[in-house]
Amino acid sequence: MKLVVLGSGTSVPHPQRASAAFWLETKSGSVLLDCSGDAAHRMAGENLDWPNLDAIWISHLHLDHCGGLANFLFSLKWAPQTQERRKPLNIFGCEGIEKLLNAIDESHNYKLRNQHFPIQIQETKRIEFGPDTEFEILPGVRAQTLSTPHTRESRAIRLTDTRGSTVVYTSDTGFSEELANFAHGAGLLIIDCSFRQNKPVSNHLDLDEAMRLASLASSRKVLLTHLYPEWDGVDIEEEARKLWPGEVVAAKDGLRLDLEV
């Protein structure tokens, strides 16, 4: 598997950091993890095969994570590059995604799901305790999700391919030992690290909490993301090494990681 960071930032406009989006390429297809308003143009900017994207995962309904979904479907409907496409686009995500798209459709009769190819939506229903049932997000790639302490519908996702490569994406989250158990042994843990210290809210992580989760999860590599502007000018990786000796990478837009094991 290979990962491209499309957006390492937050809802706060930033000259170097777009809002959340990650392109994950596998041997059986591609999946977009979250789809901010910046995602479509960032995919094009990174020369990715966006017209043939296979699947999209939406973690929760905050607009810096899902605000580009309708826009991307609108682009797919009219872009010259997609007029010959016939394979389905599968959208997986938190509860409420279909309602959101329907509301946008009704506002202007966009008919976003009336494409040259099928649009299939599968929502993950909230389970109060423990991980959800696994599902196949791409051929040969299994997905499992977990409720997180961020919003009512927010979820983390764990992806595992047939070779055993594993990626866990927490998206926005507060601290949770259950989340550490869910991420245990992941080859790559993509984790919220919104604040350096003294976080002003409980439903995000600061660096100390992110490193505690990484330690509990025994992840081989950690990618710190969802970085607010307070991180500007700070060597995030050096600060992280003071708290945890494992491999830590600070996300930045355009970063590419090879995740093969």
Protein backbone atom coordinates (compact mmCIF):
# COMPACT_ATOMS: atom_id res chain seq x y z
CA MET A 1 0.00 0.00 0.00
CA LYS A 2 1.05 3.58 -0.65
CA LEU A 3 -0.26 6.74 1.01
CA VAL A 4 -0.37 10.30 -0.30
CA VAL A 5 -1.18 13.09 2.16
CA LEU A 6 -3.56 15.49 0.42
CA GLY A 7 -4.53 17.52 3.47
CA SER A 8 -2.67 17.67 6.78
CA GLY A 9 -4.49 20.67 8.21
CA THR A 10 -7.79 21.67 9.74
CA SER A 11 -10.75 23.92 8.99
CA VAL A 12 -8.49 26.94 9.54
CA PRO A 13 -7.26 28.23 6.12
CA HIS A 14 -3.52 27.70 5.80
CA PRO A 15 -1.13 28.41 2.92
CA GLN A 16 0.60 25.00 3.14
CA ARG A 17 -1.98 22.72 4.73
CA ALA A 18 -5.27 21.77 3.10
CA SER A 19 -8.09 20.17 5.08
CA ALA A 20 -8.20 16.44 5.73
CA ALA A 21 -7.81 13.97 2.88
CA PHE A 22 -5.54 10.96 2.28
CA TRP A 23 -5.14 8.87 -0.87
CA LEU A 24 -4.43 5.17 -0.18
CA GLU A 25 -3.31 3.09 -3.15
CA THR A 26 -3.48 -0.71 -2.94
CA LYS A 27 -2.86 -3.49 -5.44
CA SER A 28 -6.63 -3.83 -5.90
CA GLY A 29 -7.62 -0.17 -6.09
CA SER A 30 -7.64 3.22 -4.44
CA VAL A 31 -9.55 4.69 -1.51
CA LEU A 32 -9.82 8.30 -0.37
CA LEU A 33 -9.83 8.69 3.40
CA ASP A 34 -12.01 11.76 4.04
CA CYS A 35 -12.91 14.29 1.39
CA SER A 36 -12.49 17.91 2.41
CA GLY A 37 -13.38 20.80 0.16
CA ASP A 38 -9.77 20.86 -1.04
CA ALA A 39 -9.56 17.17 -1.92
CA ALA A 40 -10.56 17.17 -5.59
CA HIS A 41 -8.03 19.79 -6.61
CA ARG A 42 -5.35 18.28 -4.38
CA MET A 43 -5.81 14.89 -6.10
CA ALA A 44 -5.34 16.58 -9.45
CA GLY A 45 -2.37 18.55 -8.13
CA GLU A 46 -0.66 15.33 -7.07
CA ASN A 47 -1.34 13.74 -10.50
CA LEU A 48 -3.42 10.95 -8.96
CA ASP A 49 -5.91 8.90 -10.97
CA TRP A 50 -8.95 10.63 -9.46
CA PRO A 51 -11.29 9.77 -12.40
CA ASN A 52 -10.92 6.10 -11.48
CA LEU A 53 -11.04 6.35 -7.70
CA ASP A 54 -12.62 3.16 -6.36
CA ALA A 55 -13.86 4.07 -2.90
CA ILE A 56 -14.29 6.93 -0.43
CA TRP A 57 -14.36 6.75 3.36
CA ILE A 58 -15.95 9.58 5.38
CA SER A 59 -15.09 9.57 9.09
CA HIS A 60 -17.59 12.16 10.36
CA LEU A 61 -19.75 15.08 9.29
CA HIS A 62 -17.51 18.03 10.12
CA LEU A 63 -17.07 19.94 6.88
CA ASP A 64 -13.27 19.88 6.87
CA HIS A 65 -13.64 16.10 6.46
CA CYS A 66 -16.71 15.70 4.26
CA GLY A 67 -17.35 19.13 2.72
CA GLY A 68 -15.80 18.16 -0.62
CA LEU A 69 -17.82 14.99 -1.18
CA ALA A 70 -20.72 16.60 -3.03
CA ASN A 71 -18.32 18.81 -4.97
CA PHE A 72 -16.29 15.78 -6.04
CA LEU A 73 -19.40 13.92 -7.20
CA PHE A 74 -20.43 17.03 -9.15
CA SER A 75 -16.97 17.07 -10.75
CA LEU A 76 -17.18 13.39 -11.66
CA LYS A 77 -20.53 13.96 -13.33
CA TRP A 78 -19.29 16.61 -15.73
CA ALA A 79 -15.53 16.12 -16.11
CA PRO A 80 -14.43 14.95 -19.60
CA GLN A 81 -12.15 12.38 -17.94
CA THR A 82 -15.08 10.44 -16.43
CA GLN A 83 -17.58 10.25 -19.27
CA GLU A 84 -16.48 6.72 -20.21
CA ARG A 85 -16.30 5.43 -16.66
CA ARG A 86 -18.66 2.54 -15.87
CA LYS A 87 -17.27 0.88 -12.73
CA PRO A 88 -19.04 1.77 -9.45
CA LEU A 89 -17.79 4.31 -6.93
CA ASN A 90 -18.34 2.98 -3.43
CA ILE A 91 -18.84 5.48 -0.61
CA PHE A 92 -18.47 4.17 2.92
CA GLY A 93 -18.83 6.29 5.98
CA CYS A 94 -20.41 7.39 9.18
CA GLU A 95 -24.12 7.61 9.75
CA GLY A 96 -25.64 10.64 8.01
CA ILE A 97 -23.66 10.72 4.74
CA GLU A 98 -26.64 9.80 2.58
CA LYS A 99 -28.84 12.38 4.33
CA LEU A 100 -26.20 15.05 3.70
CA LEU A 101 -25.95 14.25 0.00
CA ASN A 102 -29.73 14.13 -0.36
CA ALA A 103 -30.05 17.57 1.24
CA ILE A 104 -27.52 19.04 -1.19
CA ASP A 105 -29.27 17.33 -4.11
CA GLU A 106 -32.61 18.78 -3.09
CA SER A 107 -31.19 22.29 -2.78
CA HIS A 108 -30.59 22.55 -6.53
CA ASN A 109 -31.61 19.24 -8.11
CA TYR A 110 -27.98 18.31 -8.72
CA LYS A 111 -28.74 14.57 -9.08
CA LEU A 112 -25.27 13.75 -7.78
CA ARG A 113 -25.95 10.02 -7.76
CA ASN A 114 -27.24 10.06 -11.34
CA GLN A 115 -23.87 9.41 -12.99
CA HIS A 116 -22.56 7.45 -15.95
CA PHE A 117 -21.63 4.81 -13.37
CA PRO A 118 -23.26 3.52 -10.18
CA ILE A 119 -22.78 5.34 -6.87
CA GLN A 120 -23.15 2.98 -3.92
CA ILE A 121 -23.37 4.28 -0.36
CA GLN A 122 -22.90 2.16 2.75
CA GLU A 123 -23.19 3.78 6.17
CA THR A 124 -21.64 2.34 9.31
CA LYS A 125 -24.23 2.35 12.07
CA ARG A 126 -23.08 3.45 15.49
CA ILE A 127 -22.25 0.68 17.95
CA GLU A 128 -21.83 1.80 21.53
CA PHE A 129 -19.27 -0.81 22.64
CA GLY A 130 -16.53 -2.50 20.65
CA PRO A 131 -15.52 -2.49 16.99
CA ASP A 132 -18.04 -2.96 14.22
CA THR A 133 -18.32 -5.95 11.91
CA GLU A 134 -15.68 -6.05 9.20
CA PHE A 135 -16.48 -5.24 5.59
CA GLU A 136 -14.57 -5.26 2.31
CA ILE A 137 -13.77 -1.70 1.23
CA LEU A 138 -11.74 -2.84 -1.80
CA PRO A 139 -11.18 -6.33 -3.20
CA GLY A 140 -8.85 -8.01 -0.74
CA VAL A 141 -8.82 -5.05 1.67
CA ARG A 142 -10.79 -5.54 4.87
CA ALA A 143 -12.05 -2.61 6.91
CA GLN A 144 -13.17 -2.36 10.50
CA THR A 145 -14.44 0.78 12.25
CA LEU A 146 -14.70 2.04 15.81
CA SER A 147 -16.67 4.85 17.46
CA THR A 148 -14.39 7.64 18.67
CA PRO A 149 -14.82 10.41 21.26
CA HIS A 150 -15.21 13.31 18.85
CA THR A 151 -18.78 13.56 17.52
CA ARG A 152 -21.78 11.26 17.84
CA GLU A 153 -21.11 9.70 14.43
CA SER A 154 -17.29 9.89 14.25
CA ARG A 155 -15.34 6.73 13.56
CA ALA A 156 -11.81 5.46 13.17
CA ILE A 157 -11.04 2.91 10.46
CA ARG A 158 -8.56 0.02 10.27
CA LEU A 159 -7.60 -1.28 6.81
CA THR A 160 -5.76 -4.56 6.22
CA ASP A 161 -4.75 -6.03 2.86
CA THR A 162 -4.04 -9.65 1.93
CA ARG A 163 -0.31 -9.21 2.64
CA GLY A 164 -0.99 -8.03 6.16
CA SER A 165 -0.21 -4.36 5.63
CA THR A 166 -2.36 -2.40 8.08
CA VAL A 167 -3.29 1.28 8.21
CA VAL A 168 -5.34 2.84 11.00
CA TYR A 169 -6.79 6.32 10.50
CA THR A 170 -8.20 7.84 13.67
CA SER A 171 -9.44 11.02 12.02
CA ASP A 172 -10.43 13.59 14.68
CA THR A 173 -10.61 12.05 18.13
CA GLY A 174 -10.17 12.53 21.83
CA PHE A 175 -8.10 10.13 23.93
CA SER A 176 -9.38 6.57 24.21
CA GLU A 177 -7.61 3.41 25.37
CA GLU A 178 -10.15 1.46 23.32
CA LEU A 179 -8.82 3.28 20.27
CA ALA A 180 -5.27 2.22 21.20
CA ASN A 181 -6.43 -1.41 21.35
CA PHE A 182 -8.17 -0.99 17.99
CA ALA A 183 -4.94 0.33 16.43
CA HIS A 184 -2.65 -2.26 18.04
CA GLY A 185 0.16 -3.42 15.80
CA ALA A 186 -0.72 -1.19 12.86
CA GLY A 187 2.01 -0.67 10.32
CA LEU A 188 0.92 2.95 10.05
CA LEU A 189 -1.17 4.90 12.53
CA ILE A 190 -2.52 8.17 11.10
CA ILE A 191 -3.48 10.10 14.20
CA ASP A 192 -4.99 13.41 15.23
CA CYS A 193 -2.37 15.72 16.76
CA SER A 194 -4.25 18.98 16.68
CA PHE A 195 -2.50 20.77 19.53
CA ARG A 196 0.99 20.96 20.97
CA GLN A 197 -0.12 21.15 24.60
CA ASN A 198 -2.83 22.52 26.86
CA LYS A 199 -5.54 21.64 24.36
CA PRO A 200 -8.63 23.85 24.60
CA VAL A 201 -11.11 21.01 23.84
CA SER A 202 -11.47 17.40 24.92
CA ASN A 203 -12.44 15.92 21.55
CA HIS A 204 -9.03 16.33 19.89
CA LEU A 205 -5.54 15.15 20.85
CA ASP A 206 -2.46 17.06 21.87
CA LEU A 207 1.04 15.70 21.31
CA ASP A 208 1.36 13.99 24.68
CA GLU A 209 -1.93 12.12 24.20
CA ALA A 210 -1.06 11.16 20.62
CA MET A 211 2.25 9.68 21.79
CA ARG A 212 0.53 7.83 24.64
CA LEU A 213 -1.83 6.27 22.11
CA ALA A 214 1.07 5.38 19.81
CA SER A 215 2.88 3.70 22.69
CA LEU A 216 -0.17 1.73 23.80
CA ALA A 217 -0.88 0.70 20.20
CA SER A 218 2.73 -0.40 19.54
CA SER A 219 2.47 1.02 16.04
CA ARG A 220 5.46 0.63 13.74
CA LYS A 221 5.09 4.12 12.25
CA VAL A 222 2.98 7.10 13.32
CA LEU A 223 1.84 9.95 11.09
CA LEU A 224 0.75 13.06 13.01
CA THR A 225 -1.91 15.08 11.23
CA HIS A 226 -4.81 17.55 11.64
CA LEU A 227 -2.24 20.16 12.59
CA TYR A 228 -3.46 23.60 13.67
CA PRO A 229 -1.39 26.70 12.85
CA GLU A 230 0.12 26.68 16.34
CA TRP A 231 2.45 23.98 14.99
CA ASP A 232 3.97 26.38 12.44
CA GLY A 233 7.70 26.73 12.98
CA VAL A 234 7.87 23.80 15.43
CA ASP A 235 9.89 20.65 14.73
CA ILE A 236 7.03 18.25 15.45
CA GLU A 237 9.10 15.13 15.02
CA GLU A 238 11.75 16.32 17.48
CA GLU A 239 9.06 17.17 20.02
CA ALA A 240 7.48 13.73 19.53
CA ARG A 241 10.79 11.92 20.11
CA LYS A 242 10.96 13.43 23.58
CA LEU A 243 7.79 11.50 24.45
CA TRP A 244 8.05 8.24 22.49
CA PRO A 245 11.07 6.55 20.85
CA GLY A 246 9.17 5.06 17.91
CA GLU A 247 9.13 6.26 14.31
CA VAL A 248 7.09 9.46 13.98
CA VAL A 249 6.46 11.46 10.83
CA ALA A 250 4.84 14.88 10.71
CA ALA A 251 2.23 15.01 7.95
CA LYS A 252 2.62 17.61 5.24
CA ASP A 253 0.68 18.05 2.06
CA GLY A 254 2.21 16.03 -0.78
CA LEU A 255 4.03 13.58 1.52
CA ARG A 256 4.17 10.05 0.06
CA LEU A 257 4.75 6.93 2.14
CA ASP A 258 5.35 3.37 0.95
CA LEU A 259 3.60 1.03 3.38
CA GLU A 260 4.60 -2.36 1.97
CA VAL A 261 5.65 -4.95 4.57
